[in-house]
Every structure is written in structure tokens, then in C-alpha cells.
Amino acid sequence: MFYQIRRFVVKEGYSDQIVERFSKRGGLQEQMPGFLDKQVLVKKVRRGDEEVMVMVRWESEEAWKNWEKSPEHIAGHKAKLGQEKPEYIVESSHGTYELRN
């Protein structure tokens, strides 16, 4: 099992913007062989900056790499070239993880 995890810290009141962006179902990523599921988690906070984690689960690292190299994925990123990140995003990071048990 292989996971791609993206973490966003956003200004207070903006976590729904990230949730909406990543909660859409039926996209191209979900149609890729080896895609298993996607979860969007919002950290419970009382006030202040909010945190959203997006976890995408793949059958294997190879399946994830095939998505990363796909023309659809590349075109999606090219379409956003030159666009500034939204001002409500304070910080973002991503990483990949393999499940070991």
C-alpha cells in the first residue's frame, strides 16, 4: 500500500476551501488503475489557523508514479502555472509513504 499525503495550513475559516477542492469525486485521478481511495481530514481547532490533510491511497508506488507521469496530471499542473497560491494558504507540504506492517 502506498500513500500520498498533502498537508495545508490555512487561515481561520478557510479549511472548507481545501475540503471542497479535494473532496470532489469521479475525477481523473480516481479513474487511474491502482487508485484505491482518498480521505480529507480537518484538524479540530477552536480558533486560529486550520489544518487539512489529504490522504490518497494507492495499490503501489508504481500506480502512484503512473498517475504522476500521466498526461492528465501533467496538464492539470501546466494549467495552473503562473497562478499565485491563494492568500488563505499559510503553508503546504506533501510526502509519500509506504505502509509497513
PDB file of N, CA and C in Angstrom:
ATOM      1  N   MET A   1       0.853  -1.174   0.000  1.00  0.00           N
ATOM      2  CA  MET A   1       0.000   0.000   0.000  1.00  0.00           C
ATOM      3  C   MET A   1       0.900   1.238   0.000  1.00  0.00           C
ATOM      4  N   PHE A   2       0.477   2.274  -0.715  1.00  0.00           N
ATOM      5  CA  PHE A   2       1.277   3.489  -0.857  1.00  0.00           C
ATOM      6  C   PHE A   2       0.361   4.701  -0.676  1.00  0.00           C
ATOM      7  N   TYR A   3       0.841   5.682   0.066  1.00  0.00           N
ATOM      8  CA  TYR A   3       0.048   6.879   0.357  1.00  0.00           C
ATOM      9  C   TYR A   3       0.749   8.131  -0.126  1.00  0.00           C
ATOM     10  N   GLN A   4      -0.027   9.022  -0.693  1.00  0.00           N
ATOM     11  CA  GLN A   4       0.429  10.377  -0.984  1.00  0.00           C
ATOM     12  C   GLN A   4      -0.339  11.277  -0.010  1.00  0.00           C
ATOM     13  N   ILE A   5       0.390  12.072   0.770  1.00  0.00           N
ATOM     14  CA  ILE A   5      -0.256  12.914   1.767  1.00  0.00           C
ATOM     15  C   ILE A   5       0.118  14.368   1.535  1.00  0.00           C
ATOM     16  N   ARG A   6      -0.896  15.209   1.456  1.00  0.00           N
ATOM     17  CA  ARG A   6      -0.692  16.651   1.328  1.00  0.00           C
ATOM     18  C   ARG A   6      -1.250  17.315   2.570  1.00  0.00           C
ATOM     19  N   ARG A   7      -0.515  18.287   3.090  1.00  0.00           N
ATOM     20  CA  ARG A   7      -0.910  18.991   4.314  1.00  0.00           C
ATOM     21  C   ARG A   7      -0.999  20.476   3.997  1.00  0.00           C
ATOM     22  N   PHE A   8      -2.104  21.072   4.404  1.00  0.00           N
ATOM     23  CA  PHE A   8      -2.331  22.501   4.206  1.00  0.00           C
ATOM     24  C   PHE A   8      -2.629  23.154   5.546  1.00  0.00           C
ATOM     25  N   VAL A   9      -1.988  24.273   5.809  1.00  0.00           N
ATOM     26  CA  VAL A   9      -2.353  25.134   6.925  1.00  0.00           C
ATOM     27  C   VAL A   9      -2.958  26.376   6.283  1.00  0.00           C
ATOM     28  N   VAL A  10      -4.188  26.699   6.701  1.00  0.00           N
ATOM     29  CA  VAL A  10      -4.898  27.834   6.105  1.00  0.00           C
ATOM     30  C   VAL A  10      -5.371  28.785   7.203  1.00  0.00           C
ATOM     31  N   LYS A  11      -5.651  29.993   6.790  1.00  0.00           N
ATOM     32  CA  LYS A  11      -6.157  30.980   7.743  1.00  0.00           C
ATOM     33  C   LYS A  11      -7.506  30.515   8.288  1.00  0.00           C
ATOM     34  N   GLU A  12      -7.801  30.976   9.472  1.00  0.00           N
ATOM     35  CA  GLU A  12      -9.054  30.613  10.138  1.00  0.00           C
ATOM     36  C   GLU A  12     -10.249  30.863   9.222  1.00  0.00           C
ATOM     37  N   GLY A  13     -11.113  29.852   9.125  1.00  0.00           N
ATOM     38  CA  GLY A  13     -12.334  29.968   8.332  1.00  0.00           C
ATOM     39  C   GLY A  13     -12.196  29.506   6.889  1.00  0.00           C
ATOM     40  N   TYR A  14     -11.015  29.035   6.483  1.00  0.00           N
ATOM     41  CA  TYR A  14     -10.797  28.667   5.084  1.00  0.00           C
ATOM     42  C   TYR A  14     -10.604  27.173   4.833  1.00  0.00           C
ATOM     43  N   SER A  15     -10.715  26.341   5.847  1.00  0.00           N
ATOM     44  CA  SER A  15     -10.494  24.910   5.615  1.00  0.00           C
ATOM     45  C   SER A  15     -11.503  24.343   4.616  1.00  0.00           C
ATOM     46  N   ASP A  16     -12.705  24.890   4.582  1.00  0.00           N
ATOM     47  CA  ASP A  16     -13.718  24.385   3.640  1.00  0.00           C
ATOM     48  C   ASP A  16     -13.293  24.579   2.186  1.00  0.00           C
ATOM     49  N   GLN A  17     -12.474  25.580   1.904  1.00  0.00           N
ATOM     50  CA  GLN A  17     -11.991  25.808   0.535  1.00  0.00           C
ATOM     51  C   GLN A  17     -11.144  24.612   0.073  1.00  0.00           C
ATOM     52  N   ILE A  18     -10.273  24.138   0.966  1.00  0.00           N
ATOM     53  CA  ILE A  18      -9.419  22.997   0.639  1.00  0.00           C
ATOM     54  C   ILE A  18     -10.252  21.716   0.579  1.00  0.00           C
ATOM     55  N   VAL A  19     -11.161  21.555   1.531  1.00  0.00           N
ATOM     56  CA  VAL A  19     -12.018  20.372   1.551  1.00  0.00           C
ATOM     57  C   VAL A  19     -12.805  20.279   0.245  1.00  0.00           C
ATOM     58  N   GLU A  20     -13.385  21.368  -0.191  1.00  0.00           N
ATOM     59  CA  GLU A  20     -14.166  21.371  -1.434  1.00  0.00           C
ATOM     60  C   GLU A  20     -13.301  20.994  -2.630  1.00  0.00           C
ATOM     61  N   ARG A  21     -12.113  21.548  -2.685  1.00  0.00           N
ATOM     62  CA  ARG A  21     -11.209  21.281  -3.817  1.00  0.00           C
ATOM     63  C   ARG A  21     -10.834  19.807  -3.912  1.00  0.00           C
ATOM     64  N   PHE A  22     -10.585  19.161  -2.775  1.00  0.00           N
ATOM     65  CA  PHE A  22     -10.087  17.791  -2.794  1.00  0.00           C
ATOM     66  C   PHE A  22     -11.149  16.734  -2.531  1.00  0.00           C
ATOM     67  N   SER A  23     -12.379  17.107  -2.237  1.00  0.00           N
ATOM     68  CA  SER A  23     -13.427  16.125  -1.945  1.00  0.00           C
ATOM     69  C   SER A  23     -14.236  15.727  -3.164  1.00  0.00           C
ATOM     70  N   LYS A  24     -13.996  16.368  -4.270  1.00  0.00           N
ATOM     71  CA  LYS A  24     -14.759  16.044  -5.478  1.00  0.00           C
ATOM     72  C   LYS A  24     -14.517  14.594  -5.861  1.00  0.00           C
ATOM     73  N   ARG A  25     -15.573  13.923  -6.245  1.00  0.00           N
ATOM     74  CA  ARG A  25     -15.497  12.514  -6.624  1.00  0.00           C
ATOM     75  C   ARG A  25     -15.616  12.369  -8.141  1.00  0.00           C
ATOM     76  N   GLY A  26     -15.055  11.270  -8.637  1.00  0.00           N
ATOM     77  CA  GLY A  26     -15.189  10.958 -10.053  1.00  0.00           C
ATOM     78  C   GLY A  26     -14.178  11.639 -10.943  1.00  0.00           C
ATOM     79  N   GLY A  27     -13.115  12.200 -10.363  1.00  0.00           N
ATOM     80  CA  GLY A  27     -12.098  12.879 -11.160  1.00  0.00           C
ATOM     81  C   GLY A  27     -11.186  11.897 -11.876  1.00  0.00           C
ATOM     82  N   LEU A  28     -10.269  12.452 -12.660  1.00  0.00           N
ATOM     83  CA  LEU A  28      -9.349  11.630 -13.440  1.00  0.00           C
ATOM     84  C   LEU A  28      -8.460  10.763 -12.560  1.00  0.00           C
ATOM     85  N   GLN A  29      -8.035  11.305 -11.430  1.00  0.00           N
ATOM     86  CA  GLN A  29      -7.177  10.541 -10.523  1.00  0.00           C
ATOM     87  C   GLN A  29      -7.880   9.258 -10.076  1.00  0.00           C
ATOM     88  N   GLU A  30      -9.136   9.357  -9.776  1.00  0.00           N
ATOM     89  CA  GLU A  30      -9.889   8.203  -9.283  1.00  0.00           C
ATOM     90  C   GLU A  30     -10.105   7.134 -10.348  1.00  0.00           C
ATOM     91  N   GLN A  31      -9.911   7.495 -11.602  1.00  0.00           N
ATOM     92  CA  GLN A  31     -10.079   6.551 -12.696  1.00  0.00           C
ATOM     93  C   GLN A  31      -8.783   5.822 -13.044  1.00  0.00           C
ATOM     94  N   MET A  32      -7.687   6.231 -12.409  1.00  0.00           N
ATOM     95  CA  MET A  32      -6.387   5.626 -12.697  1.00  0.00           C
ATOM     96  C   MET A  32      -6.306   4.225 -12.100  1.00  0.00           C
ATOM     97  N   PRO A  33      -5.726   3.281 -12.844  1.00  0.00           N
ATOM     98  CA  PRO A  33      -5.503   1.946 -12.281  1.00  0.00           C
ATOM     99  C   PRO A  33      -4.634   2.062 -11.029  1.00  0.00           C
ATOM    100  N   GLY A  34      -5.026   1.368  -9.982  1.00  0.00           N
ATOM    101  CA  GLY A  34      -4.259   1.365  -8.754  1.00  0.00           C
ATOM    102  C   GLY A  34      -4.723   2.375  -7.725  1.00  0.00           C
ATOM    103  N   PHE A  35      -5.603   3.298  -8.124  1.00  0.00           N
ATOM    104  CA  PHE A  35      -6.168   4.244  -7.152  1.00  0.00           C
ATOM    105  C   PHE A  35      -7.135   3.485  -6.261  1.00  0.00           C
ATOM    106  N   LEU A  36      -6.995   3.664  -4.935  1.00  0.00           N
ATOM    107  CA  LEU A  36      -7.898   2.978  -4.011  1.00  0.00           C
ATOM    108  C   LEU A  36      -8.921   3.929  -3.398  1.00  0.00           C
ATOM    109  N   ASP A  37      -8.461   4.997  -2.770  1.00  0.00           N
ATOM    110  CA  ASP A  37      -9.398   5.956  -2.192  1.00  0.00           C
ATOM    111  C   ASP A  37      -8.675   7.225  -1.771  1.00  0.00           C
ATOM    112  N   LYS A  38      -9.476   8.201  -1.372  1.00  0.00           N
ATOM    113  CA  LYS A  38      -8.953   9.490  -0.931  1.00  0.00           C
ATOM    114  C   LYS A  38      -9.734   9.915   0.295  1.00  0.00           C
ATOM    115  N   GLN A  39      -9.012  10.420   1.289  1.00  0.00           N
ATOM    116  CA  GLN A  39      -9.647  10.925   2.506  1.00  0.00           C
ATOM    117  C   GLN A  39      -9.163  12.350   2.746  1.00  0.00           C
ATOM    118  N   VAL A  40     -10.084  13.191   3.181  1.00  0.00           N
ATOM    119  CA  VAL A  40      -9.756  14.577   3.514  1.00  0.00           C
ATOM    120  C   VAL A  40     -10.066  14.760   4.994  1.00  0.00           C
ATOM    121  N   LEU A  41      -9.043  15.104   5.773  1.00  0.00           N
ATOM    122  CA  LEU A  41      -9.192  15.248   7.217  1.00  0.00           C
ATOM    123  C   LEU A  41      -8.950  16.697   7.621  1.00  0.00           C
ATOM    124  N   VAL A  42      -9.779  17.184   8.535  1.00  0.00           N
ATOM    125  CA  VAL A  42      -9.629  18.540   9.054  1.00  0.00           C
ATOM    126  C   VAL A  42      -9.333  18.445  10.537  1.00  0.00           C
ATOM    127  N   LYS A  43      -8.226  19.055  10.950  1.00  0.00           N
ATOM    128  CA  LYS A  43      -7.837  19.035  12.349  1.00  0.00           C
ATOM    129  C   LYS A  43      -8.808  19.879  13.161  1.00  0.00           C
ATOM    130  N   LYS A  44      -9.227  19.355  14.302  1.00  0.00           N
ATOM    131  CA  LYS A  44     -10.137  20.080  15.180  1.00  0.00           C
ATOM    132  C   LYS A  44      -9.367  21.200  15.874  1.00  0.00           C
ATOM    133  N   VAL A  45      -9.792  22.439  15.648  1.00  0.00           N
ATOM    134  CA  VAL A  45      -9.192  23.591  16.317  1.00  0.00           C
ATOM    135  C   VAL A  45     -10.312  24.506  16.801  1.00  0.00           C
ATOM    136  N   ARG A  46     -10.048  25.249  17.850  1.00  0.00           N
ATOM    137  CA  ARG A  46     -11.066  26.173  18.370  1.00  0.00           C
ATOM    138  C   ARG A  46     -10.994  27.521  17.662  1.00  0.00           C
ATOM    139  N   ARG A  47      -9.780  27.973  17.424  1.00  0.00           N
ATOM    140  CA  ARG A  47      -9.606  29.237  16.701  1.00  0.00           C
ATOM    141  C   ARG A  47      -8.181  29.292  16.185  1.00  0.00           C
ATOM    142  N   GLY A  48      -7.969  30.182  15.246  1.00  0.00           N
ATOM    143  CA  GLY A  48      -6.641  30.318  14.649  1.00  0.00           C
ATOM    144  C   GLY A  48      -6.530  29.523  13.356  1.00  0.00           C
ATOM    145  N   ASP A  49      -5.296  29.364  12.900  1.00  0.00           N
ATOM    146  CA  ASP A  49      -5.056  28.644  11.653  1.00  0.00           C
ATOM    147  C   ASP A  49      -5.644  27.245  11.714  1.00  0.00           C
ATOM    148  N   GLU A  50      -6.075  26.758  10.553  1.00  0.00           N
ATOM    149  CA  GLU A  50      -6.688  25.434  10.443  1.00  0.00           C
ATOM    150  C   GLU A  50      -5.785  24.534   9.608  1.00  0.00           C
ATOM    151  N   GLU A  51      -5.885  23.236   9.825  1.00  0.00           N
ATOM    152  CA  GLU A  51      -5.040  22.274   9.116  1.00  0.00           C
ATOM    153  C   GLU A  51      -5.899  21.234   8.413  1.00  0.00           C
ATOM    154  N   VAL A  52      -5.556  20.964   7.155  1.00  0.00           N
ATOM    155  CA  VAL A  52      -6.264  19.968   6.356  1.00  0.00           C
ATOM    156  C   VAL A  52      -5.233  18.987   5.796  1.00  0.00           C
ATOM    157  N   MET A  53      -5.531  17.703   5.927  1.00  0.00           N
ATOM    158  CA  MET A  53      -4.676  16.654   5.369  1.00  0.00           C
ATOM    159  C   MET A  53      -5.467  15.916   4.296  1.00  0.00           C
ATOM    160  N   VAL A  54      -4.831  15.694   3.154  1.00  0.00           N
ATOM    161  CA  VAL A  54      -5.439  14.932   2.071  1.00  0.00           C
ATOM    162  C   VAL A  54      -4.593  13.678   1.889  1.00  0.00           C
ATOM    163  N   MET A  55      -5.210  12.519   2.112  1.00  0.00           N
ATOM    164  CA  MET A  55      -4.503  11.241   2.000  1.00  0.00           C
ATOM    165  C   MET A  55      -5.074  10.455   0.828  1.00  0.00           C
ATOM    166  N   VAL A  56      -4.210  10.162  -0.137  1.00  0.00           N
ATOM    167  CA  VAL A  56      -4.618   9.372  -1.298  1.00  0.00           C
ATOM    168  C   VAL A  56      -3.916   8.028  -1.193  1.00  0.00           C
ATOM    169  N   ARG A  57      -4.716   6.969  -1.259  1.00  0.00           N
ATOM    170  CA  ARG A  57      -4.181   5.613  -1.093  1.00  0.00           C
ATOM    171  C   ARG A  57      -4.122   4.913  -2.448  1.00  0.00           C
ATOM    172  N   TRP A  58      -2.949   4.367  -2.736  1.00  0.00           N
ATOM    173  CA  TRP A  58      -2.693   3.653  -3.988  1.00  0.00           C
ATOM    174  C   TRP A  58      -2.323   2.207  -3.688  1.00  0.00           C
ATOM    175  N   GLU A  59      -2.544   1.335  -4.653  1.00  0.00           N
ATOM    176  CA  GLU A  59      -2.154  -0.069  -4.505  1.00  0.00           C
ATOM    177  C   GLU A  59      -0.646  -0.205  -4.360  1.00  0.00           C
ATOM    178  N   SER A  60       0.097   0.673  -5.063  1.00  0.00           N
ATOM    179  CA  SER A  60       1.555   0.546  -5.077  1.00  0.00           C
ATOM    180  C   SER A  60       2.185   1.889  -5.436  1.00  0.00           C
ATOM    181  N   GLU A  61       3.481   1.978  -5.192  1.00  0.00           N
ATOM    182  CA  GLU A  61       4.217   3.177  -5.600  1.00  0.00           C
ATOM    183  C   GLU A  61       4.192   3.317  -7.124  1.00  0.00           C
ATOM    184  N   GLU A  62       4.249   2.206  -7.819  1.00  0.00           N
ATOM    185  CA  GLU A  62       4.210   2.231  -9.277  1.00  0.00           C
ATOM    186  C   GLU A  62       2.895   2.842  -9.790  1.00  0.00           C
ATOM    187  N   ALA A  63       1.780   2.489  -9.163  1.00  0.00           N
ATOM    188  CA  ALA A  63       0.484   3.049  -9.564  1.00  0.00           C
ATOM    189  C   ALA A  63       0.487   4.565  -9.365  1.00  0.00           C
ATOM    190  N   TRP A  64       1.031   5.025  -8.230  1.00  0.00           N
ATOM    191  CA  TRP A  64       1.114   6.460  -7.972  1.00  0.00           C
ATOM    192  C   TRP A  64       2.008   7.139  -9.008  1.00  0.00           C
ATOM    193  N   LYS A  65       3.162   6.542  -9.310  1.00  0.00           N
ATOM    194  CA  LYS A  65       4.076   7.119 -10.305  1.00  0.00           C
ATOM    195  C   LYS A  65       3.411   7.211 -11.670  1.00  0.00           C
ATOM    196  N   ASN A  66       2.606   6.209 -12.013  1.00  0.00           N
ATOM    197  CA  ASN A  66       1.885   6.250 -13.293  1.00  0.00           C
ATOM    198  C   ASN A  66       0.935   7.441 -13.333  1.00  0.00           C
ATOM    199  N   TRP A  67       0.288   7.746 -12.211  1.00  0.00           N
ATOM    200  CA  TRP A  67      -0.569   8.930 -12.138  1.00  0.00           C
ATOM    201  C   TRP A  67       0.273  10.194 -12.296  1.00  0.00           C
ATOM    202  N   GLU A  68       1.376  10.273 -11.584  1.00  0.00           N
ATOM    203  CA  GLU A  68       2.233  11.460 -11.634  1.00  0.00           C
ATOM    204  C   GLU A  68       2.743  11.722 -13.056  1.00  0.00           C
ATOM    205  N   LYS A  69       3.008  10.671 -13.818  1.00  0.00           N
ATOM    206  CA  LYS A  69       3.532  10.798 -15.183  1.00  0.00           C
ATOM    207  C   LYS A  69       2.431  10.909 -16.237  1.00  0.00           C
ATOM    208  N   SER A  70       1.185  10.756 -15.834  1.00  0.00           N
ATOM    209  CA  SER A  70       0.093  10.727 -16.810  1.00  0.00           C
ATOM    210  C   SER A  70      -0.107  12.097 -17.467  1.00  0.00           C
ATOM    211  N   PRO A  71      -0.507  12.106 -18.727  1.00  0.00           N
ATOM    212  CA  PRO A  71      -0.760  13.373 -19.415  1.00  0.00           C
ATOM    213  C   PRO A  71      -1.827  14.215 -18.708  1.00  0.00           C
ATOM    214  N   GLU A  72      -2.814  13.567 -18.105  1.00  0.00           N
ATOM    215  CA  GLU A  72      -3.880  14.293 -17.408  1.00  0.00           C
ATOM    216  C   GLU A  72      -3.332  15.045 -16.195  1.00  0.00           C
ATOM    217  N   HIS A  73      -2.486  14.384 -15.436  1.00  0.00           N
ATOM    218  CA  HIS A  73      -1.901  15.017 -14.248  1.00  0.00           C
ATOM    219  C   HIS A  73      -0.985  16.173 -14.653  1.00  0.00           C
ATOM    220  N   ILE A  74      -0.155  15.939 -15.631  1.00  0.00           N
ATOM    221  CA  ILE A  74       0.770  16.977 -16.096  1.00  0.00           C
ATOM    222  C   ILE A  74      -0.001  18.172 -16.651  1.00  0.00           C
ATOM    223  N   ALA A  75      -1.043  17.919 -17.421  1.00  0.00           N
ATOM    224  CA  ALA A  75      -1.848  19.016 -17.992  1.00  0.00           C
ATOM    225  C   ALA A  75      -2.509  19.836 -16.889  1.00  0.00           C
ATOM    226  N   GLY A  76      -2.968  19.181 -15.832  1.00  0.00           N
ATOM    227  CA  GLY A  76      -3.584  19.896 -14.720  1.00  0.00           C
ATOM    228  C   GLY A  76      -2.615  20.859 -14.060  1.00  0.00           C
ATOM    229  N   HIS A  77      -1.371  20.440 -13.919  1.00  0.00           N
ATOM    230  CA  HIS A  77      -0.371  21.316 -13.310  1.00  0.00           C
ATOM    231  C   HIS A  77       0.047  22.434 -14.262  1.00  0.00           C
ATOM    232  N   LYS A  78       0.169  22.117 -15.550  1.00  0.00           N
ATOM    233  CA  LYS A  78       0.531  23.152 -16.522  1.00  0.00           C
ATOM    234  C   LYS A  78      -0.527  24.246 -16.580  1.00  0.00           C
ATOM    235  N   ALA A  79      -1.783  23.860 -16.410  1.00  0.00           N
ATOM    236  CA  ALA A  79      -2.875  24.839 -16.454  1.00  0.00           C
ATOM    237  C   ALA A  79      -2.785  25.829 -15.303  1.00  0.00           C
ATOM    238  N   LYS A  80      -2.110  25.453 -14.230  1.00  0.00           N
ATOM    239  CA  LYS A  80      -2.008  26.324 -13.052  1.00  0.00           C
ATOM    240  C   LYS A  80      -0.696  27.098 -13.000  1.00  0.00           C
ATOM    241  N   LEU A  81       0.184  26.887 -13.987  1.00  0.00           N
ATOM    242  CA  LEU A  81       1.468  27.594 -13.997  1.00  0.00           C
ATOM    243  C   LEU A  81       1.245  29.100 -14.006  1.00  0.00           C
ATOM    244  N   GLY A  82       2.000  29.787 -13.210  1.00  0.00           N
ATOM    245  CA  GLY A  82       1.906  31.242 -13.157  1.00  0.00           C
ATOM    246  C   GLY A  82       0.841  31.772 -12.224  1.00  0.00           C
ATOM    247  N   GLN A  83      -0.038  30.900 -11.751  1.00  0.00           N
ATOM    248  CA  GLN A  83      -1.072  31.336 -10.811  1.00  0.00           C
ATOM    249  C   GLN A  83      -0.486  31.402  -9.412  1.00  0.00           C
ATOM    250  N   GLU A  84      -0.792  32.458  -8.711  1.00  0.00           N
ATOM    251  CA  GLU A  84      -0.338  32.565  -7.331  1.00  0.00           C
ATOM    252  C   GLU A  84      -1.199  31.677  -6.451  1.00  0.00           C
ATOM    253  N   LYS A  85      -0.578  31.151  -5.392  1.00  0.00           N
ATOM    254  CA  LYS A  85      -1.367  30.343  -4.470  1.00  0.00           C
ATOM    255  C   LYS A  85      -2.348  31.268  -3.761  1.00  0.00           C
ATOM    256  N   PRO A  86      -3.506  30.751  -3.399  1.00  0.00           N
ATOM    257  CA  PRO A  86      -4.487  31.579  -2.691  1.00  0.00           C
ATOM    258  C   PRO A  86      -3.886  32.168  -1.421  1.00  0.00           C
ATOM    259  N   GLU A  87      -4.256  33.400  -1.104  1.00  0.00           N
ATOM    260  CA  GLU A  87      -3.674  34.083   0.058  1.00  0.00           C
ATOM    261  C   GLU A  87      -4.052  33.436   1.384  1.00  0.00           C
ATOM    262  N   TYR A  88      -5.102  32.618   1.389  1.00  0.00           N
ATOM    263  CA  TYR A  88      -5.504  31.981   2.645  1.00  0.00           C
ATOM    264  C   TYR A  88      -4.636  30.774   2.996  1.00  0.00           C
ATOM    265  N   ILE A  89      -3.802  30.296   2.067  1.00  0.00           N
ATOM    266  CA  ILE A  89      -2.904  29.184   2.372  1.00  0.00           C
ATOM    267  C   ILE A  89      -1.659  29.741   3.049  1.00  0.00           C
ATOM    268  N   VAL A  90      -1.463  29.341   4.300  1.00  0.00           N
ATOM    269  CA  VAL A  90      -0.319  29.787   5.092  1.00  0.00           C
ATOM    270  C   VAL A  90       0.898  28.930   4.775  1.00  0.00           C
ATOM    271  N   GLU A  91       0.660  27.624   4.615  1.00  0.00           N
ATOM    272  CA  GLU A  91       1.756  26.668   4.431  1.00  0.00           C
ATOM    273  C   GLU A  91       1.196  25.417   3.772  1.00  0.00           C
ATOM    274  N   SER A  92       2.010  24.765   2.962  1.00  0.00           N
ATOM    275  CA  SER A  92       1.601  23.473   2.399  1.00  0.00           C
ATOM    276  C   SER A  92       2.837  22.595   2.241  1.00  0.00           C
ATOM    277  N   SER A  93       2.615  21.298   2.347  1.00  0.00           N
ATOM    278  CA  SER A  93       3.693  20.333   2.164  1.00  0.00           C
ATOM    279  C   SER A  93       3.093  19.022   1.671  1.00  0.00           C
ATOM    280  N   HIS A  94       3.949  18.146   1.181  1.00  0.00           N
ATOM    281  CA  HIS A  94       3.465  16.840   0.756  1.00  0.00           C
ATOM    282  C   HIS A  94       4.574  15.807   0.924  1.00  0.00           C
ATOM    283  N   GLY A  95       4.147  14.578   0.987  1.00  0.00           N
ATOM    284  CA  GLY A  95       5.092  13.480   1.114  1.00  0.00           C
ATOM    285  C   GLY A  95       4.446  12.190   0.660  1.00  0.00           C
ATOM    286  N   THR A  96       5.279  11.183   0.480  1.00  0.00           N
ATOM    287  CA  THR A  96       4.776   9.871   0.097  1.00  0.00           C
ATOM    288  C   THR A  96       5.244   8.868   1.140  1.00  0.00           C
ATOM    289  N   TYR A  97       4.400   7.890   1.393  1.00  0.00           N
ATOM    290  CA  TYR A  97       4.636   6.922   2.457  1.00  0.00           C
ATOM    291  C   TYR A  97       4.225   5.539   1.989  1.00  0.00           C
ATOM    292  N   GLU A  98       4.964   4.538   2.439  1.00  0.00           N
ATOM    293  CA  GLU A  98       4.538   3.169   2.178  1.00  0.00           C
ATOM    294  C   GLU A  98       4.094   2.536   3.480  1.00  0.00           C
ATOM    295  N   LEU A  99       3.061   1.733   3.388  1.00  0.00           N
ATOM    296  CA  LEU A  99       2.527   1.041   4.555  1.00  0.00           C
ATOM    297  C   LEU A  99       3.386  -0.180   4.855  1.00  0.00           C
ATOM    298  N   ARG A 100       3.843  -0.257   6.086  1.00  0.00           N
ATOM    299  CA  ARG A 100       4.639  -1.424   6.510  1.00  0.00           C
ATOM    300  C   ARG A 100       4.039  -1.966   7.800  1.00  0.00           C
ATOM    301  N   ASN A 101       3.528  -3.192   7.754  1.00  0.00           N
ATOM    302  CA  ASN A 101       3.082  -3.832   8.992  1.00  0.00           C
ATOM    303  C   ASN A 101       3.518  -5.250   9.020  1.00  0.00           C
TER     304      ASN A 101
END
